N, C-alpha and C. Protein backbone atom coordinates (compact mmCIF):
# COMPACT_ATOMS: atom_id res chain seq x y z
N ALA A 1 -117.95 229.49 43.43
CA ALA A 1 -117.63 229.81 44.64
C ALA A 1 -118.26 229.64 45.94
N SER A 2 -118.00 228.89 46.78
CA SER A 2 -118.82 229.12 48.31
C SER A 2 -119.57 230.50 48.87
N HIS A 3 -120.66 231.17 49.08
CA HIS A 3 -120.31 232.06 50.17
C HIS A 3 -119.25 233.08 50.42
N GLU A 4 -118.60 231.56 51.70
CA GLU A 4 -118.02 232.01 52.52
C GLU A 4 -116.15 232.17 51.56
N GLU A 5 -116.34 231.25 50.41
CA GLU A 5 -114.65 231.76 49.55
C GLU A 5 -115.29 233.60 48.91
N ILE A 6 -116.10 233.89 49.17
CA ILE A 6 -116.36 235.17 47.95
C ILE A 6 -116.32 235.93 49.42
N GLU A 7 -116.89 235.71 50.58
CA GLU A 7 -116.54 236.74 51.59
C GLU A 7 -115.26 236.63 51.77
N LEU A 8 -114.45 235.12 52.20
CA LEU A 8 -112.62 235.66 51.56
C LEU A 8 -112.53 237.03 51.05
N LEU A 9 -112.63 236.83 49.64
CA LEU A 9 -112.08 237.84 49.28
C LEU A 9 -112.34 239.02 48.87
N ARG A 10 -113.90 239.46 49.64
CA ARG A 10 -114.53 240.37 49.58
C ARG A 10 -113.45 241.26 51.17
N VAL A 11 -114.02 240.50 51.64
CA VAL A 11 -112.48 241.10 52.98
C VAL A 11 -111.10 241.31 53.02
N SER A 12 -110.56 240.93 51.96
CA SER A 12 -109.34 240.46 51.91
C SER A 12 -109.03 242.04 50.73
N THR A 13 -110.15 242.16 50.18
CA THR A 13 -110.08 243.28 49.16
C THR A 13 -110.40 244.69 49.66
N VAL A 14 -111.43 244.85 50.75
CA VAL A 14 -111.25 245.99 51.59
C VAL A 14 -110.00 246.87 51.36
N PRO A 15 -109.11 246.46 52.40
CA PRO A 15 -108.01 246.96 52.78
C PRO A 15 -107.41 248.22 51.18
N GLY A 16 -107.01 247.53 49.87
CA GLY A 16 -106.81 247.63 48.73
C GLY A 16 -107.37 249.02 48.68
N ILE A 17 -109.20 248.69 48.17
CA ILE A 17 -110.21 249.91 48.26
C ILE A 17 -110.13 251.15 49.05
N ALA A 18 -109.85 250.89 50.29
CA ALA A 18 -109.87 251.91 51.39
C ALA A 18 -108.56 252.76 51.07
N GLU A 19 -107.50 251.90 50.15
CA GLU A 19 -105.84 253.02 50.23
C GLU A 19 -106.30 253.40 49.12
N PHE A 20 -107.10 252.81 48.02
CA PHE A 20 -106.85 253.41 46.79
C PHE A 20 -107.32 255.12 47.01
N ALA A 21 -109.30 254.82 48.36
CA ALA A 21 -109.88 255.97 48.04
C ALA A 21 -108.67 256.70 48.73
N GLU A 22 -108.31 256.28 49.48
CA GLU A 22 -107.10 258.20 50.54
C GLU A 22 -106.19 258.20 49.80
N THR A 23 -105.69 257.40 48.86
CA THR A 23 -104.76 258.12 47.89
C THR A 23 -105.77 258.83 46.70
N ASN A 24 -106.39 259.03 46.23
CA ASN A 24 -107.01 259.38 45.70
C ASN A 24 -108.35 260.97 46.53
N GLY A 25 -107.76 261.03 47.56
CA GLY A 25 -107.81 262.34 48.61
C GLY A 25 -109.02 261.96 49.27
N MET A 26 -110.03 260.82 49.14
CA MET A 26 -111.20 261.23 50.21
C MET A 26 -110.94 261.17 51.23
N SER A 27 -111.81 261.44 52.35
CA SER A 27 -111.84 261.79 53.46
C SER A 27 -111.79 260.77 54.45
N SER A 28 -111.53 260.95 55.80
CA SER A 28 -112.12 259.46 56.96
C SER A 28 -113.51 259.05 56.51
N THR A 29 -114.17 260.26 56.93
CA THR A 29 -115.66 259.79 56.38
C THR A 29 -116.00 258.90 55.40
N GLN A 30 -115.52 259.48 54.00
CA GLN A 30 -115.65 258.81 52.70
C GLN A 30 -114.93 257.76 52.87
N VAL A 31 -114.25 257.10 53.11
CA VAL A 31 -113.36 256.30 53.06
C VAL A 31 -114.23 254.86 53.16
N ALA A 32 -114.90 255.51 54.51
CA ALA A 32 -115.52 254.64 55.87
C ALA A 32 -116.99 254.73 55.08
N CYS A 33 -117.12 255.11 54.33
CA CYS A 33 -118.98 254.85 53.56
C CYS A 33 -117.84 253.83 52.06
N VAL A 34 -117.22 253.81 51.93
CA VAL A 34 -116.71 252.93 50.57
C VAL A 34 -116.46 251.95 51.20
N GLN A 35 -115.61 251.30 52.35
CA GLN A 35 -115.59 250.25 53.40
C GLN A 35 -116.84 249.39 52.98
N SER A 36 -117.70 250.44 53.91
CA SER A 36 -119.29 250.26 54.36
C SER A 36 -120.24 249.66 52.67
N LEU A 37 -120.13 250.36 51.97
CA LEU A 37 -120.66 250.09 50.22
C LEU A 37 -120.00 248.37 49.50
N PHE A 38 -118.63 248.52 49.66
CA PHE A 38 -118.24 247.45 48.90
C PHE A 38 -118.42 246.07 49.94
N LYS A 39 -118.54 246.34 51.05
CA LYS A 39 -118.89 245.37 52.16
C LYS A 39 -120.45 244.44 51.58
N LYS A 40 -120.94 244.96 51.22
CA LYS A 40 -122.60 245.34 51.44
C LYS A 40 -122.94 244.75 49.72
N LEU A 41 -121.84 244.59 48.70
CA LEU A 41 -121.74 244.30 47.85
C LEU A 41 -122.25 242.60 47.29
N SER A 42 -123.27 242.37 46.47
CA SER A 42 -123.90 240.95 46.49
C SER A 42 -122.59 239.96 46.17
N ASP A 43 -123.05 238.56 46.26
CA ASP A 43 -121.85 237.98 46.08
C ASP A 43 -121.60 238.20 44.50
N ALA A 44 -122.82 238.18 43.58
CA ALA A 44 -122.63 238.49 42.02
C ALA A 44 -121.37 239.72 41.97
N LYS A 45 -121.78 240.63 42.67
CA LYS A 45 -120.73 241.55 42.19
C LYS A 45 -119.68 241.81 42.67
N VAL A 46 -119.23 240.39 43.75
CA VAL A 46 -117.79 240.43 43.82
C VAL A 46 -116.70 239.36 42.93
N ILE A 47 -117.74 238.62 42.16
CA ILE A 47 -117.03 238.02 41.44
C ILE A 47 -117.19 238.63 40.06
N GLU A 48 -117.53 239.78 39.65
CA GLU A 48 -117.96 240.10 38.35
C GLU A 48 -116.67 241.18 38.40
N LEU A 49 -116.38 241.91 40.18
CA LEU A 49 -115.48 242.59 40.08
C LEU A 49 -114.24 242.14 40.03
N ARG A 50 -114.07 240.67 40.20
CA ARG A 50 -112.63 240.10 39.97
C ARG A 50 -112.82 239.76 38.87
N ASN A 51 -113.65 239.07 38.35
CA ASN A 51 -113.56 237.99 36.79
C ASN A 51 -114.18 238.88 35.70
N GLY A 52 -114.91 240.21 36.35
CA GLY A 52 -114.80 240.97 34.81
C GLY A 52 -114.50 241.87 33.59
N THR A 53 -115.01 242.22 33.33
CA THR A 53 -114.26 243.00 32.04
C THR A 53 -113.99 244.68 32.47
N ASP A 54 -112.82 245.25 31.67
CA ASP A 54 -112.40 246.30 32.25
C ASP A 54 -113.75 247.19 32.85
N LYS A 55 -114.83 246.97 31.57
CA LYS A 55 -116.02 248.87 31.62
C LYS A 55 -116.88 247.72 32.89
N VAL A 56 -116.74 246.05 33.13
CA VAL A 56 -118.21 245.74 34.03
C VAL A 56 -117.01 246.29 35.44
N ARG A 57 -115.80 246.09 35.49
CA ARG A 57 -115.59 246.84 36.67
C ARG A 57 -115.39 247.74 37.44
N GLU A 58 -115.49 248.70 36.04
CA GLU A 58 -115.53 250.41 36.52
C GLU A 58 -116.83 250.75 37.22
N GLY A 59 -117.72 249.77 36.40
CA GLY A 59 -119.59 249.99 36.61
C GLY A 59 -118.83 250.07 38.01
N ILE A 60 -118.71 248.31 38.47
CA ILE A 60 -119.03 248.57 40.04
C ILE A 60 -118.77 249.72 40.80
N LEU A 61 -117.29 249.71 40.53
CA LEU A 61 -116.63 250.58 41.26
C LEU A 61 -116.86 252.27 41.38
N VAL A 62 -117.65 253.06 40.52
CA VAL A 62 -117.92 254.16 40.24
C VAL A 62 -119.38 254.12 41.23
N SER A 63 -120.06 252.82 41.11
CA SER A 63 -121.56 252.87 41.92
C SER A 63 -121.03 252.63 43.58
N VAL A 64 -119.83 252.51 43.63
CA VAL A 64 -119.36 252.50 45.71
C VAL A 64 -118.84 253.92 45.79
N PHE A 65 -118.05 254.31 44.73
CA PHE A 65 -117.44 254.86 44.88
C PHE A 65 -118.11 256.51 45.09
N ASN A 66 -118.85 256.78 43.90
CA ASN A 66 -119.86 257.84 43.92
C ASN A 66 -120.13 258.48 45.01
N PRO A 67 -120.92 257.82 45.10
CA PRO A 67 -122.17 258.02 46.52
C PRO A 67 -121.67 258.40 47.58
N CYS A 68 -120.48 257.89 47.60
CA CYS A 68 -119.27 258.42 49.09
C CYS A 68 -118.66 259.88 48.36
N ALA A 69 -118.50 260.08 47.66
CA ALA A 69 -117.35 261.24 46.80
C ALA A 69 -118.34 262.52 47.60
N GLN A 70 -119.57 262.10 47.38
CA GLN A 70 -121.20 263.24 47.52
C GLN A 70 -120.53 263.75 49.13
N LEU A 71 -120.56 262.78 49.82
CA LEU A 71 -120.60 262.77 51.65
C LEU A 71 -118.87 264.14 52.14
N LYS A 72 -119.41 264.71 52.43
CA LYS A 72 -118.49 266.02 53.58
C LYS A 72 -117.56 265.46 54.21
């Protein structure tokens, strides 16, 4: 996939990631953090998130959500 195609996938996934964060009680500051970190994921991580095993996807999402969960 080209960088542009991966970027489209990334951008189309951000609303779902934000909704998941909100549904799980994250504050607006934490949700913004999650969105920001998700947008900074490498192309390889976005592909792994889409095509990886459950364990791989979990690891990527934990790396995005954990730092943001620490914010007030």
